[in-house]
Amino acid sequence: VGMIMNEAPPEMELWAGPFQRAVCHEWPLPLGIPINDPSSMPEIMVKVARDGRIMDGPTLTKKSPNAGLNESCIRAVLNATLSPFSGKVALDEIALLVRFMPQVRENASGVLPGRQ
């Protein structure tokens, strides 16, 4: 699971790692998904409030050809337990683009360090 945070302050990086791990933990990779196929990397937009609530989305912005994979990605975001932002973060909300990468999930832990 990779993530893009547009115009995010550096303090959000402390929140990004646990967010990625929470989503990855809730994302079972469906069987039969081609691992190295770029078309099998759905992207989801989600807006998260300072207290960790999902305010908007998740919205599928790039679909894969596999409906089961798309649905598993949406469920992973909805089922993840999201932490509140650190007190050092001045934002009330943040919009995130979450990229689901089956090849990363298949290898190791499925969590990419830092921003993608």
Protein backbone atom coordinates (compact mmCIF):
# COMPACT_ATOMS: atom_id res chain seq x y z
CA VAL A 1 0.00 0.00 0.00
CA GLY A 2 1.45 3.32 -1.04
CA MET A 3 0.17 6.77 -0.29
CA ILE A 4 0.38 10.27 -1.72
CA MET A 5 -0.30 13.22 0.56
CA ASN A 6 -0.48 16.47 -1.38
CA GLU A 7 0.78 19.56 0.43
CA ALA A 8 1.14 17.73 3.74
CA PRO A 9 3.36 19.14 6.49
CA PRO A 10 6.33 16.97 7.53
CA GLU A 11 4.62 16.24 10.87
CA MET A 12 2.09 14.07 8.97
CA GLU A 13 4.82 11.53 8.20
CA LEU A 14 4.47 10.27 11.79
CA TRP A 15 0.82 9.53 11.04
CA ALA A 16 1.42 8.12 7.53
CA GLY A 17 3.26 4.95 8.59
CA PRO A 18 0.58 3.75 11.02
CA PHE A 19 -2.10 4.65 8.44
CA GLN A 20 -0.38 2.50 5.80
CA ARG A 21 0.04 -0.41 8.24
CA ALA A 22 -3.61 -0.20 9.35
CA VAL A 23 -4.89 -0.29 5.77
CA CYS A 24 -2.47 -3.05 4.76
CA HIS A 25 -3.52 -5.13 7.77
CA GLU A 26 -7.14 -4.99 6.57
CA TRP A 27 -6.28 -5.81 2.94
CA PRO A 28 -6.39 -9.51 2.05
CA LEU A 29 -5.09 -9.92 -1.49
CA PRO A 30 -7.73 -11.78 -3.53
CA LEU A 31 -6.57 -14.96 -5.26
CA GLY A 32 -5.64 -14.86 -8.92
CA ILE A 33 -4.49 -11.22 -9.04
CA PRO A 34 -1.57 -10.66 -11.46
CA ILE A 35 1.27 -9.43 -9.26
CA ASN A 36 3.26 -7.28 -11.71
CA ASP A 37 0.44 -5.92 -13.85
CA PRO A 38 0.22 -2.09 -13.59
CA SER A 39 -3.52 -2.28 -14.36
CA SER A 40 -3.94 -4.23 -11.09
CA MET A 41 -2.98 -1.27 -8.89
CA PRO A 42 -6.21 0.43 -7.85
CA GLU A 43 -6.09 3.92 -6.35
CA ILE A 44 -8.51 5.28 -3.79
CA MET A 45 -9.05 8.85 -2.64
CA VAL A 46 -10.07 9.38 0.96
CA LYS A 47 -10.39 12.44 3.19
CA VAL A 48 -9.53 11.89 6.85
CA ALA A 49 -10.41 14.23 9.73
CA ARG A 50 -8.01 15.20 12.50
CA ASP A 51 -9.69 12.69 14.87
CA GLY A 52 -9.11 9.78 12.43
CA ARG A 53 -12.67 9.64 11.03
CA ILE A 54 -13.18 9.22 7.31
CA MET A 55 -14.96 12.36 6.14
CA ASP A 56 -15.25 11.61 2.45
CA GLY A 57 -14.73 8.44 0.43
CA PRO A 58 -13.18 6.08 -0.03
CA THR A 59 -13.63 6.76 -3.75
CA LEU A 60 -12.08 4.53 -6.38
CA THR A 61 -10.13 6.90 -8.67
CA LYS A 62 -8.28 4.22 -10.67
CA LYS A 63 -10.00 0.87 -11.10
CA SER A 64 -8.32 -2.43 -11.73
CA PRO A 65 -9.98 -4.85 -14.18
CA ASN A 66 -10.81 -7.09 -11.19
CA ALA A 67 -13.95 -6.06 -9.28
CA GLY A 68 -12.96 -8.24 -6.30
CA LEU A 69 -9.63 -6.45 -6.00
CA ASN A 70 -11.32 -3.04 -6.21
CA GLU A 71 -13.81 -4.00 -3.49
CA SER A 72 -11.08 -5.42 -1.23
CA CYS A 73 -9.23 -2.09 -1.41
CA ILE A 74 -12.31 -0.08 -0.49
CA ARG A 75 -13.05 -2.43 2.43
CA ALA A 76 -9.43 -2.17 3.64
CA VAL A 77 -9.72 1.62 3.96
CA LEU A 78 -13.17 1.44 5.58
CA ASN A 79 -12.12 -1.26 8.07
CA ALA A 80 -8.77 0.25 9.07
CA THR A 81 -8.55 1.79 12.53
CA LEU A 82 -7.13 5.26 11.94
CA SER A 83 -5.32 7.23 14.62
CA PRO A 84 -5.95 10.91 15.31
CA PHE A 85 -3.35 13.38 14.02
CA SER A 86 -0.56 14.40 16.35
CA GLY A 87 -1.13 17.57 18.36
CA LYS A 88 1.74 19.13 16.37
CA VAL A 89 -0.29 18.95 13.14
CA ALA A 90 -2.26 22.12 12.38
CA LEU A 91 -4.49 20.48 9.74
CA ASP A 92 -8.13 19.68 10.42
CA GLU A 93 -8.25 17.15 7.57
CA ILE A 94 -6.14 15.64 4.84
CA ALA A 95 -6.95 14.16 1.43
CA LEU A 96 -4.98 11.02 0.60
CA LEU A 97 -4.49 9.04 -2.56
CA VAL A 98 -3.93 5.42 -1.56
CA ARG A 99 -2.30 3.16 -4.16
CA PHE A 100 -2.77 -0.58 -3.68
CA MET A 101 0.15 -2.60 -5.07
CA PRO A 102 -0.36 -6.37 -5.12
CA GLN A 103 3.33 -7.08 -5.74
CA VAL A 104 4.25 -5.31 -2.50
CA ARG A 105 1.49 -7.08 -0.58
CA GLU A 106 2.65 -10.43 -1.94
CA ASN A 107 6.26 -9.73 -0.88
CA ALA A 108 7.27 -9.13 2.74
CA SER A 109 4.84 -7.08 4.81
CA GLY A 110 3.18 -5.04 2.07
CA VAL A 111 4.10 -1.70 3.65
CA LEU A 112 6.27 0.79 1.82
CA PRO A 113 8.42 3.13 3.89
CA GLY A 114 7.69 6.83 3.49
CA ARG A 115 5.53 8.45 0.87
CA GLN A 116 4.92 6.98 -2.58
